Amino acid sequence: DFEKAMQAEEPLPGTVTDHVFAPTMVTKETGERTPAGGEKVMMVDAA
């Protein structure tokens, strides 16, 4: 197993930046930011 492992491939240097983050599906602003008839709220209530 050791001999086989020594012969195994090295990682490609170009992959060093892979997997820092998992891809997110949220890429676009969606929904209504200022819906008609909406009321103003404080930040604490929005949270």
All heavy atoms as atom14 arrays in JSON, in Angstrom:
{
  "sequence": "DFEKAMQAEEPLPGTVTDHVFAPTMVTKETGERTPAGGEKVMMVDAA",
  "atom14_mask": [
    [1, 1, 1, 1, 1, 1, 1, 1, 0, 0, 0, 0, 0, 0],
    [1, 1, 1, 1, 1, 1, 1, 1, 1, 1, 1, 0, 0, 0],
    [1, 1, 1, 1, 1, 1, 1, 1, 1, 0, 0, 0, 0, 0],
    [1, 1, 1, 1, 1, 1, 1, 1, 1, 0, 0, 0, 0, 0],
    [1, 1, 1, 1, 1, 0, 0, 0, 0, 0, 0, 0, 0, 0],
    [1, 1, 1, 1, 1, 1, 1, 1, 0, 0, 0, 0, 0, 0],
    [1, 1, 1, 1, 1, 1, 1, 1, 1, 0, 0, 0, 0, 0],
    [1, 1, 1, 1, 1, 0, 0, 0, 0, 0, 0, 0, 0, 0],
    [1, 1, 1, 1, 1, 1, 1, 1, 1, 0, 0, 0, 0, 0],
    [1, 1, 1, 1, 1, 1, 1, 1, 1, 0, 0, 0, 0, 0],
    [1, 1, 1, 1, 1, 1, 1, 0, 0, 0, 0, 0, 0, 0],
    [1, 1, 1, 1, 1, 1, 1, 1, 0, 0, 0, 0, 0, 0],
    [1, 1, 1, 1, 1, 1, 1, 0, 0, 0, 0, 0, 0, 0],
    [1, 1, 1, 1, 0, 0, 0, 0, 0, 0, 0, 0, 0, 0],
    [1, 1, 1, 1, 1, 1, 1, 0, 0, 0, 0, 0, 0, 0],
    [1, 1, 1, 1, 1, 1, 1, 0, 0, 0, 0, 0, 0, 0],
    [1, 1, 1, 1, 1, 1, 1, 0, 0, 0, 0, 0, 0, 0],
    [1, 1, 1, 1, 1, 1, 1, 1, 0, 0, 0, 0, 0, 0],
    [1, 1, 1, 1, 1, 1, 1, 1, 1, 1, 0, 0, 0, 0],
    [1, 1, 1, 1, 1, 1, 1, 0, 0, 0, 0, 0, 0, 0],
    [1, 1, 1, 1, 1, 1, 1, 1, 1, 1, 1, 0, 0, 0],
    [1, 1, 1, 1, 1, 0, 0, 0, 0, 0, 0, 0, 0, 0],
    [1, 1, 1, 1, 1, 1, 1, 0, 0, 0, 0, 0, 0, 0],
    [1, 1, 1, 1, 1, 1, 1, 0, 0, 0, 0, 0, 0, 0],
    [1, 1, 1, 1, 1, 1, 1, 1, 0, 0, 0, 0, 0, 0],
    [1, 1, 1, 1, 1, 1, 1, 0, 0, 0, 0, 0, 0, 0],
    [1, 1, 1, 1, 1, 1, 1, 0, 0, 0, 0, 0, 0, 0],
    [1, 1, 1, 1, 1, 1, 1, 1, 1, 0, 0, 0, 0, 0],
    [1, 1, 1, 1, 1, 1, 1, 1, 1, 0, 0, 0, 0, 0],
    [1, 1, 1, 1, 1, 1, 1, 0, 0, 0, 0, 0, 0, 0],
    [1, 1, 1, 1, 0, 0, 0, 0, 0, 0, 0, 0, 0, 0],
    [1, 1, 1, 1, 1, 1, 1, 1, 1, 0, 0, 0, 0, 0],
    [1, 1, 1, 1, 1, 1, 1, 1, 1, 1, 1, 0, 0, 0],
    [1, 1, 1, 1, 1, 1, 1, 0, 0, 0, 0, 0, 0, 0],
    [1, 1, 1, 1, 1, 1, 1, 0, 0, 0, 0, 0, 0, 0],
    [1, 1, 1, 1, 1, 0, 0, 0, 0, 0, 0, 0, 0, 0],
    [1, 1, 1, 1, 0, 0, 0, 0, 0, 0, 0, 0, 0, 0],
    [1, 1, 1, 1, 0, 0, 0, 0, 0, 0, 0, 0, 0, 0],
    [1, 1, 1, 1, 1, 1, 1, 1, 1, 0, 0, 0, 0, 0],
    [1, 1, 1, 1, 1, 1, 1, 1, 1, 0, 0, 0, 0, 0],
    [1, 1, 1, 1, 1, 1, 1, 0, 0, 0, 0, 0, 0, 0],
    [1, 1, 1, 1, 1, 1, 1, 1, 0, 0, 0, 0, 0, 0],
    [1, 1, 1, 1, 1, 1, 1, 1, 0, 0, 0, 0, 0, 0],
    [1, 1, 1, 1, 1, 1, 1, 0, 0, 0, 0, 0, 0, 0],
    [1, 1, 1, 1, 1, 1, 1, 1, 0, 0, 0, 0, 0, 0],
    [1, 1, 1, 1, 1, 0, 0, 0, 0, 0, 0, 0, 0, 0],
    [1, 1, 1, 1, 1, 0, 0, 0, 0, 0, 0, 0, 0, 0]
  ],
  "atom14_positions": [
    [[0.83, -1.2, 0.0], [0.0, 0.0, 0.0], [0.86, 1.26, 0.0], [0.53, 2.25, -0.65], [-0.94, 0.01, 1.21], [-2.1, -0.95, 1.06], [-2.33, -1.41, -0.06], [-2.78, -1.22, 2.07], [0.0, 0.0, 0.0], [0.0, 0.0, 0.0], [0.0, 0.0, 0.0], [0.0, 0.0, 0.0], [0.0, 0.0, 0.0], [0.0, 0.0, 0.0]],
    [[1.97, 1.19, 0.72], [2.87, 2.36, 0.77], [3.49, 2.62, -0.59], [3.56, 3.78, -1.04], [3.95, 2.12, 1.82], [4.81, 3.33, 2.09], [4.28, 4.47, 2.66], [6.16, 3.32, 1.78], [5.07, 5.58, 2.91], [6.96, 4.42, 2.03], [6.41, 5.55, 2.6], [0.0, 0.0, 0.0], [0.0, 0.0, 0.0], [0.0, 0.0, 0.0]],
    [[3.92, 1.57, -1.26], [4.5, 1.73, -2.59], [3.46, 2.3, -3.56], [3.75, 3.2, -4.36], [5.0, 0.38, -3.1], [5.67, 0.43, -4.46], [6.94, 1.25, -4.46], [7.62, 1.3, -3.42], [7.25, 1.85, -5.51], [0.0, 0.0, 0.0], [0.0, 0.0, 0.0], [0.0, 0.0, 0.0], [0.0, 0.0, 0.0], [0.0, 0.0, 0.0]],
    [[2.23, 1.79, -3.45], [1.15, 2.28, -4.31], [0.85, 3.74, -4.0], [0.63, 4.55, -4.91], [-0.09, 1.41, -4.09], [-1.28, 1.77, -4.97], [-2.46, 0.85, -4.65], [-3.7, 1.26, -5.42], [-4.88, 0.42, -5.03], [0.0, 0.0, 0.0], [0.0, 0.0, 0.0], [0.0, 0.0, 0.0], [0.0, 0.0, 0.0], [0.0, 0.0, 0.0]],
    [[0.84, 4.1, -2.71], [0.55, 5.48, -2.31], [1.64, 6.43, -2.79], [1.36, 7.56, -3.21], [0.38, 5.58, -0.8], [0.0, 0.0, 0.0], [0.0, 0.0, 0.0], [0.0, 0.0, 0.0], [0.0, 0.0, 0.0], [0.0, 0.0, 0.0], [0.0, 0.0, 0.0], [0.0, 0.0, 0.0], [0.0, 0.0, 0.0], [0.0, 0.0, 0.0]],
    [[2.9, 5.98, -2.75], [3.99, 6.83, -3.23], [3.85, 7.13, -4.72], [4.23, 8.21, -5.18], [5.34, 6.18, -2.95], [5.76, 6.23, -1.48], [7.51, 5.82, -1.26], [7.55, 4.11, -1.81], [0.0, 0.0, 0.0], [0.0, 0.0, 0.0], [0.0, 0.0, 0.0], [0.0, 0.0, 0.0], [0.0, 0.0, 0.0], [0.0, 0.0, 0.0]],
    [[3.29, 6.19, -5.45], [3.14, 6.37, -6.9], [1.86, 7.14, -7.26], [1.68, 7.51, -8.42], [3.12, 5.0, -7.59], [4.37, 4.17, -7.37], [5.65, 4.89, -7.76], [5.7, 5.55, -8.8], [6.67, 4.79, -6.92], [0.0, 0.0, 0.0], [0.0, 0.0, 0.0], [0.0, 0.0, 0.0], [0.0, 0.0, 0.0], [0.0, 0.0, 0.0]],
    [[1.0, 7.35, -6.29], [-0.26, 8.03, -6.57], [-0.02, 9.48, -6.99], [1.0, 10.09, -6.68], [-1.16, 7.99, -5.33], [0.0, 0.0, 0.0], [0.0, 0.0, 0.0], [0.0, 0.0, 0.0], [0.0, 0.0, 0.0], [0.0, 0.0, 0.0], [0.0, 0.0, 0.0], [0.0, 0.0, 0.0], [0.0, 0.0, 0.0], [0.0, 0.0, 0.0]],
    [[-1.0, 10.05, -7.69], [-0.87, 11.4, -8.22], [-0.81, 12.45, -7.12], [-1.46, 12.32, -6.08], [-2.05, 11.72, -9.13], [-2.09, 10.97, -10.44], [-3.27, 11.43, -11.28], [-3.31, 12.62, -11.64], [-4.15, 10.6, -11.55], [0.0, 0.0, 0.0], [0.0, 0.0, 0.0], [0.0, 0.0, 0.0], [0.0, 0.0, 0.0], [0.0, 0.0, 0.0]],
    [[-0.04, 13.5, -7.4], [-0.02, 14.67, -6.53], [-1.22, 15.56, -6.88], [-1.71, 15.54, -8.02], [1.27, 15.45, -6.74], [2.54, 14.69, -6.4], [2.73, 14.54, -4.9], [2.14, 15.34, -4.14], [3.46, 13.61, -4.49], [0.0, 0.0, 0.0], [0.0, 0.0, 0.0], [0.0, 0.0, 0.0], [0.0, 0.0, 0.0], [0.0, 0.0, 0.0]],
    [[-1.68, 16.36, -5.94], [-2.76, 17.31, -6.27], [-2.26, 18.32, -7.31], [-1.08, 18.68, -7.33], [-3.05, 18.01, -4.94], [-2.42, 17.18, -3.89], [-1.29, 16.47, -4.53], [0.0, 0.0, 0.0], [0.0, 0.0, 0.0], [0.0, 0.0, 0.0], [0.0, 0.0, 0.0], [0.0, 0.0, 0.0], [0.0, 0.0, 0.0], [0.0, 0.0, 0.0]],
    [[-3.14, 18.77, -8.16], [-2.79, 19.81, -9.12], [-2.69, 21.14, -8.38], [-3.64, 21.53, -7.68], [-3.84, 19.89, -10.22], [-3.96, 18.67, -11.14], [-5.16, 18.82, -12.07], [-2.68, 18.47, -11.93], [0.0, 0.0, 0.0], [0.0, 0.0, 0.0], [0.0, 0.0, 0.0], [0.0, 0.0, 0.0], [0.0, 0.0, 0.0], [0.0, 0.0, 0.0]],
    [[-1.58, 21.86, -8.48], [-1.45, 23.14, -7.77], [-2.6, 24.1, -8.05], [-3.0, 24.87, -7.17], [-0.11, 23.68, -8.29], [0.66, 22.47, -8.67], [-0.35, 21.5, -9.23], [0.0, 0.0, 0.0], [0.0, 0.0, 0.0], [0.0, 0.0, 0.0], [0.0, 0.0, 0.0], [0.0, 0.0, 0.0], [0.0, 0.0, 0.0], [0.0, 0.0, 0.0]],
    [[-3.14, 24.02, -9.26], [-4.22, 24.93, -9.62], [-5.51, 24.71, -8.85], [-6.41, 25.56, -8.88], [0.0, 0.0, 0.0], [0.0, 0.0, 0.0], [0.0, 0.0, 0.0], [0.0, 0.0, 0.0], [0.0, 0.0, 0.0], [0.0, 0.0, 0.0], [0.0, 0.0, 0.0], [0.0, 0.0, 0.0], [0.0, 0.0, 0.0], [0.0, 0.0, 0.0]],
    [[-5.62, 23.57, -8.15], [-6.83, 23.3, -7.36], [-6.74, 23.87, -5.95], [-7.65, 23.67, -5.15], [-7.09, 21.78, -7.28], [-6.01, 21.15, -6.55], [-7.18, 21.17, -8.66], [0.0, 0.0, 0.0], [0.0, 0.0, 0.0], [0.0, 0.0, 0.0], [0.0, 0.0, 0.0], [0.0, 0.0, 0.0], [0.0, 0.0, 0.0], [0.0, 0.0, 0.0]],
    [[-5.65, 24.56, -5.65], [-5.43, 25.03, -4.28], [-6.53, 25.96, -3.79], [-6.8, 26.06, -2.59], [-4.04, 25.7, -4.15], [-4.0, 27.04, -4.88], [-3.65, 25.87, -2.69], [0.0, 0.0, 0.0], [0.0, 0.0, 0.0], [0.0, 0.0, 0.0], [0.0, 0.0, 0.0], [0.0, 0.0, 0.0], [0.0, 0.0, 0.0], [0.0, 0.0, 0.0]],
    [[-7.2, 26.65, -4.71], [-8.26, 27.58, -4.3], [-9.65, 26.95, -4.3], [-10.63, 27.63, -3.99], [-8.27, 28.82, -5.21], [-8.44, 28.4, -6.57], [-6.97, 29.6, -5.1], [0.0, 0.0, 0.0], [0.0, 0.0, 0.0], [0.0, 0.0, 0.0], [0.0, 0.0, 0.0], [0.0, 0.0, 0.0], [0.0, 0.0, 0.0], [0.0, 0.0, 0.0]],
    [[-9.75, 25.67, -4.62], [-11.05, 25.0, -4.62], [-11.57, 24.83, -3.2], [-10.8, 24.58, -2.26], [-10.96, 23.62, -5.28], [-10.68, 23.7, -6.77], [-10.7, 24.81, -7.32], [-10.44, 22.63, -7.37], [0.0, 0.0, 0.0], [0.0, 0.0, 0.0], [0.0, 0.0, 0.0], [0.0, 0.0, 0.0], [0.0, 0.0, 0.0], [0.0, 0.0, 0.0]],
    [[-12.88, 24.93, -3.04], [-13.59, 24.58, -1.8], [-13.34, 25.54, -0.63], [-13.54, 25.16, 0.53], [-13.25, 23.14, -1.35], [-13.52, 22.11, -2.39], [-14.76, 21.92, -2.95], [-12.68, 21.23, -3.0], [-14.68, 20.95, -3.85], [-13.45, 20.52, -3.91], [0.0, 0.0, 0.0], [0.0, 0.0, 0.0], [0.0, 0.0, 0.0], [0.0, 0.0, 0.0]],
    [[-12.91, 26.76, -0.92], [-12.87, 27.74, 0.17], [-14.28, 27.98, 0.69], [-14.52, 28.04, 1.89], [-12.24, 29.06, -0.31], [-12.29, 30.12, 0.79], [-10.8, 28.82, -0.75], [0.0, 0.0, 0.0], [0.0, 0.0, 0.0], [0.0, 0.0, 0.0], [0.0, 0.0, 0.0], [0.0, 0.0, 0.0], [0.0, 0.0, 0.0], [0.0, 0.0, 0.0]],
    [[-15.22, 28.08, -0.26], [-16.63, 28.18, 0.07], [-17.41, 27.18, -0.78], [-16.99, 26.82, -1.88], [-17.17, 29.58, -0.22], [-16.64, 30.66, 0.67], [-15.72, 31.59, 0.19], [-17.05, 30.76, 1.98], [-15.23, 32.59, 1.0], [-16.57, 31.76, 2.81], [-15.65, 32.68, 2.32], [0.0, 0.0, 0.0], [0.0, 0.0, 0.0], [0.0, 0.0, 0.0]],
    [[-18.55, 26.76, -0.27], [-19.49, 26.0, -1.09], [-20.29, 26.99, -1.93], [-20.58, 28.11, -1.47], [-20.43, 25.19, -0.2], [0.0, 0.0, 0.0], [0.0, 0.0, 0.0], [0.0, 0.0, 0.0], [0.0, 0.0, 0.0], [0.0, 0.0, 0.0], [0.0, 0.0, 0.0], [0.0, 0.0, 0.0], [0.0, 0.0, 0.0], [0.0, 0.0, 0.0]],
    [[-20.66, 26.63, -3.14], [-21.41, 27.57, -3.99], [-22.76, 27.92, -3.37], [-23.45, 27.05, -2.82], [-21.6, 26.79, -5.3], [-20.6, 25.69, -5.26], [-20.38, 25.35, -3.82], [0.0, 0.0, 0.0], [0.0, 0.0, 0.0], [0.0, 0.0, 0.0], [0.0, 0.0, 0.0], [0.0, 0.0, 0.0], [0.0, 0.0, 0.0], [0.0, 0.0, 0.0]],
    [[-23.12, 29.17, -3.46], [-24.43, 29.6, -2.97], [-25.4, 29.72, -4.14], [-25.01, 30.08, -5.25], [-24.35, 30.94, -2.23], [-25.66, 31.32, -1.81], [-23.77, 32.02, -3.12], [0.0, 0.0, 0.0], [0.0, 0.0, 0.0], [0.0, 0.0, 0.0], [0.0, 0.0, 0.0], [0.0, 0.0, 0.0], [0.0, 0.0, 0.0], [0.0, 0.0, 0.0]],
    [[-26.66, 29.43, -3.88], [-27.69, 29.54, -4.91], [-28.26, 30.96, -4.98], [-28.96, 31.3, -5.92], [-28.83, 28.55, -4.62], [-28.39, 27.09, -4.58], [-27.67, 26.55, -6.15], [-29.14, 26.58, -7.2], [0.0, 0.0, 0.0], [0.0, 0.0, 0.0], [0.0, 0.0, 0.0], [0.0, 0.0, 0.0], [0.0, 0.0, 0.0], [0.0, 0.0, 0.0]],
    [[-27.94, 31.78, -3.98], [-28.48, 33.14, -3.94], [-27.54, 34.07, -4.69], [-26.48, 34.47, -4.17], [-28.67, 33.62, -2.49], [-29.21, 35.06, -2.48], [-29.63, 32.71, -1.74], [0.0, 0.0, 0.0], [0.0, 0.0, 0.0], [0.0, 0.0, 0.0], [0.0, 0.0, 0.0], [0.0, 0.0, 0.0], [0.0, 0.0, 0.0], [0.0, 0.0, 0.0]],
    [[-27.89, 34.41, -5.9], [-27.03, 35.27, -6.73], [-27.76, 36.51, -7.24], [-27.13, 37.41, -7.77], [-26.49, 34.48, -7.93], [-27.58, 33.96, -8.69], [-25.59, 33.34, -7.46], [0.0, 0.0, 0.0], [0.0, 0.0, 0.0], [0.0, 0.0, 0.0], [0.0, 0.0, 0.0], [0.0, 0.0, 0.0], [0.0, 0.0, 0.0], [0.0, 0.0, 0.0]],
    [[-29.09, 36.54, -7.11], [-29.87, 37.67, -7.61], [-30.81, 38.18, -6.53], [-31.31, 37.41, -5.72], [-30.68, 37.26, -8.84], [-29.83, 36.89, -10.06], [-30.71, 36.54, -11.24], [-29.88, 36.18, -12.47], [-30.73, 35.83, -13.64], [0.0, 0.0, 0.0], [0.0, 0.0, 0.0], [0.0, 0.0, 0.0], [0.0, 0.0, 0.0], [0.0, 0.0, 0.0]],
    [[-31.05, 39.48, -6.56], [-32.03, 40.07, -5.66], [-33.42, 39.65, -6.11], [-33.78, 39.79, -7.28], [-31.89, 41.59, -5.7], [-32.74, 42.32, -4.67], [-32.43, 43.8, -4.62], [-31.62, 44.26, -5.46], [-33.0, 44.49, -3.77], [0.0, 0.0, 0.0], [0.0, 0.0, 0.0], [0.0, 0.0, 0.0], [0.0, 0.0, 0.0], [0.0, 0.0, 0.0]],
    [[-34.18, 39.09, -5.2], [-35.53, 38.62, -5.53], [-36.52, 39.14, -4.5], [-36.16, 39.56, -3.4], [-35.57, 37.07, -5.54], [-35.14, 36.57, -4.26], [-34.67, 36.5, -6.62], [0.0, 0.0, 0.0], [0.0, 0.0, 0.0], [0.0, 0.0, 0.0], [0.0, 0.0, 0.0], [0.0, 0.0, 0.0], [0.0, 0.0, 0.0], [0.0, 0.0, 0.0]],
    [[-37.8, 39.08, -4.86], [-38.85, 39.55, -3.97], [-39.04, 41.06, -4.1], [-38.36, 41.74, -4.86], [0.0, 0.0, 0.0], [0.0, 0.0, 0.0], [0.0, 0.0, 0.0], [0.0, 0.0, 0.0], [0.0, 0.0, 0.0], [0.0, 0.0, 0.0], [0.0, 0.0, 0.0], [0.0, 0.0, 0.0], [0.0, 0.0, 0.0], [0.0, 0.0, 0.0]],
    [[-39.98, 41.57, -3.33], [-40.32, 43.0, -3.37], [-39.62, 43.72, -2.22], [-39.89, 43.47, -1.05], [-41.83, 43.18, -3.25], [-42.6, 42.76, -4.48], [-42.35, 43.7, -5.66], [-42.06, 44.9, -5.41], [-42.42, 43.24, -6.81], [0.0, 0.0, 0.0], [0.0, 0.0, 0.0], [0.0, 0.0, 0.0], [0.0, 0.0, 0.0], [0.0, 0.0, 0.0]],
    [[-38.74, 44.65, -2.57], [-38.04, 45.42, -1.53], [-38.96, 46.46, -0.91], [-38.92, 46.69, 0.31], [-36.8, 46.08, -2.13], [-35.97, 46.87, -1.1], [-34.73, 47.46, -1.74], [-34.01, 48.32, -0.81], [-33.01, 47.94, -0.02], [-32.61, 46.68, -0.05], [-32.41, 48.8, 0.78], [0.0, 0.0, 0.0], [0.0, 0.0, 0.0], [0.0, 0.0, 0.0]],
    [[-39.78, 47.1, -1.73], [-40.7, 48.13, -1.22], [-42.11, 47.82, -1.7], [-42.61, 48.46, -2.64], [-40.27, 49.53, -1.68], [-40.14, 49.51, -3.11], [-38.95, 49.93, -1.07], [0.0, 0.0, 0.0], [0.0, 0.0, 0.0], [0.0, 0.0, 0.0], [0.0, 0.0, 0.0], [0.0, 0.0, 0.0], [0.0, 0.0, 0.0], [0.0, 0.0, 0.0]],
    [[-42.77, 46.84, -1.12], [-44.1, 46.45, -1.58], [-45.11, 47.58, -1.39], [-45.02, 48.38, -0.44], [-44.44, 45.25, -0.69], [-43.58, 45.4, 0.52], [-42.32, 46.05, 0.05], [0.0, 0.0, 0.0], [0.0, 0.0, 0.0], [0.0, 0.0, 0.0], [0.0, 0.0, 0.0], [0.0, 0.0, 0.0], [0.0, 0.0, 0.0], [0.0, 0.0, 0.0]],
    [[-46.07, 47.65, -2.29], [-47.11, 48.68, -2.21], [-47.87, 48.53, -0.9], [-48.26, 47.43, -0.51], [-48.06, 48.56, -3.4], [0.0, 0.0, 0.0], [0.0, 0.0, 0.0], [0.0, 0.0, 0.0], [0.0, 0.0, 0.0], [0.0, 0.0, 0.0], [0.0, 0.0, 0.0], [0.0, 0.0, 0.0], [0.0, 0.0, 0.0], [0.0, 0.0, 0.0]],
    [[-48.08, 49.64, -0.24], [-48.83, 49.61, 1.02], [-48.01, 49.16, 2.2], [-48.55, 49.03, 3.31], [0.0, 0.0, 0.0], [0.0, 0.0, 0.0], [0.0, 0.0, 0.0], [0.0, 0.0, 0.0], [0.0, 0.0, 0.0], [0.0, 0.0, 0.0], [0.0, 0.0, 0.0], [0.0, 0.0, 0.0], [0.0, 0.0, 0.0], [0.0, 0.0, 0.0]],
    [[-46.72, 48.93, 2.0], [-45.87, 48.49, 3.1], [-45.65, 49.57, 4.13], [-45.76, 50.77, 3.84], [0.0, 0.0, 0.0], [0.0, 0.0, 0.0], [0.0, 0.0, 0.0], [0.0, 0.0, 0.0], [0.0, 0.0, 0.0], [0.0, 0.0, 0.0], [0.0, 0.0, 0.0], [0.0, 0.0, 0.0], [0.0, 0.0, 0.0], [0.0, 0.0, 0.0]],
    [[-45.34, 49.16, 5.35], [-45.1, 50.1, 6.44], [-43.63, 50.13, 6.8], [-42.91, 49.14, 6.66], [-45.92, 49.7, 7.67], [-47.42, 49.78, 7.47], [-48.19, 49.46, 8.75], [-47.52, 49.18, 9.78], [-49.42, 49.51, 8.71], [0.0, 0.0, 0.0], [0.0, 0.0, 0.0], [0.0, 0.0, 0.0], [0.0, 0.0, 0.0], [0.0, 0.0, 0.0]],
    [[-43.2, 51.29, 7.27], [-41.82, 51.41, 7.7], [-41.6, 50.65, 9.01], [-42.46, 50.64, 9.89], [-41.44, 52.89, 7.89], [-41.19, 53.63, 6.6], [-40.58, 55.0, 6.87], [-40.18, 55.67, 5.56], [-39.5, 56.97, 5.8], [0.0, 0.0, 0.0], [0.0, 0.0, 0.0], [0.0, 0.0, 0.0], [0.0, 0.0, 0.0], [0.0, 0.0, 0.0]],
    [[-40.43, 50.0, 9.1], [-40.09, 49.27, 10.32], [-38.67, 49.65, 10.73], [-37.86, 50.11, 9.92], [-40.17, 47.74, 10.12], [-41.58, 47.29, 9.86], [-39.23, 47.27, 9.01], [0.0, 0.0, 0.0], [0.0, 0.0, 0.0], [0.0, 0.0, 0.0], [0.0, 0.0, 0.0], [0.0, 0.0, 0.0], [0.0, 0.0, 0.0], [0.0, 0.0, 0.0]],
    [[-38.39, 49.43, 11.99], [-37.04, 49.64, 12.49], [-36.17, 48.44, 12.12], [-36.67, 47.34, 11.88], [-37.07, 49.83, 14.0], [-37.83, 51.08, 14.44], [-37.84, 51.32, 16.23], [-38.86, 49.95, 16.77], [0.0, 0.0, 0.0], [0.0, 0.0, 0.0], [0.0, 0.0, 0.0], [0.0, 0.0, 0.0], [0.0, 0.0, 0.0], [0.0, 0.0, 0.0]],
    [[-34.87, 48.63, 12.14], [-33.95, 47.55, 11.81], [-34.13, 46.35, 12.73], [-34.08, 45.2, 12.29], [-32.5, 48.04, 11.87], [-31.96, 48.53, 10.55], [-30.21, 48.99, 10.62], [-29.45, 47.43, 11.02], [0.0, 0.0, 0.0], [0.0, 0.0, 0.0], [0.0, 0.0, 0.0], [0.0, 0.0, 0.0], [0.0, 0.0, 0.0], [0.0, 0.0, 0.0]],
    [[-34.32, 46.61, 14.0], [-34.44, 45.51, 14.94], [-35.66, 44.65, 14.63], [-35.63, 43.42, 14.75], [-34.46, 46.02, 16.4], [-35.75, 46.76, 16.72], [-34.21, 44.88, 17.39], [0.0, 0.0, 0.0], [0.0, 0.0, 0.0], [0.0, 0.0, 0.0], [0.0, 0.0, 0.0], [0.0, 0.0, 0.0], [0.0, 0.0, 0.0], [0.0, 0.0, 0.0]],
    [[-36.75, 45.3, 14.18], [-37.95, 44.55, 13.83], [-37.78, 43.82, 12.51], [-38.3, 42.71, 12.32], [-39.16, 45.5, 13.75], [-39.58, 46.0, 15.12], [-39.37, 45.26, 16.1], [-40.1, 47.12, 15.21], [0.0, 0.0, 0.0], [0.0, 0.0, 0.0], [0.0, 0.0, 0.0], [0.0, 0.0, 0.0], [0.0, 0.0, 0.0], [0.0, 0.0, 0.0]],
    [[-37.05, 44.43, 11.58], [-36.79, 43.75, 10.31], [-36.0, 42.46, 10.55], [-36.26, 41.43, 9.92], [-36.02, 44.67, 9.37], [0.0, 0.0, 0.0], [0.0, 0.0, 0.0], [0.0, 0.0, 0.0], [0.0, 0.0, 0.0], [0.0, 0.0, 0.0], [0.0, 0.0, 0.0], [0.0, 0.0, 0.0], [0.0, 0.0, 0.0], [0.0, 0.0, 0.0]],
    [[-35.04, 42.52, 11.47], [-34.27, 41.32, 11.81], [-35.16, 40.27, 12.45], [-35.1, 39.08, 12.11], [-33.13, 41.69, 12.75], [0.0, 0.0, 0.0], [0.0, 0.0, 0.0], [0.0, 0.0, 0.0], [0.0, 0.0, 0.0], [0.0, 0.0, 0.0], [0.0, 0.0, 0.0], [0.0, 0.0, 0.0], [0.0, 0.0, 0.0], [0.0, 0.0, 0.0]]
  ]
}
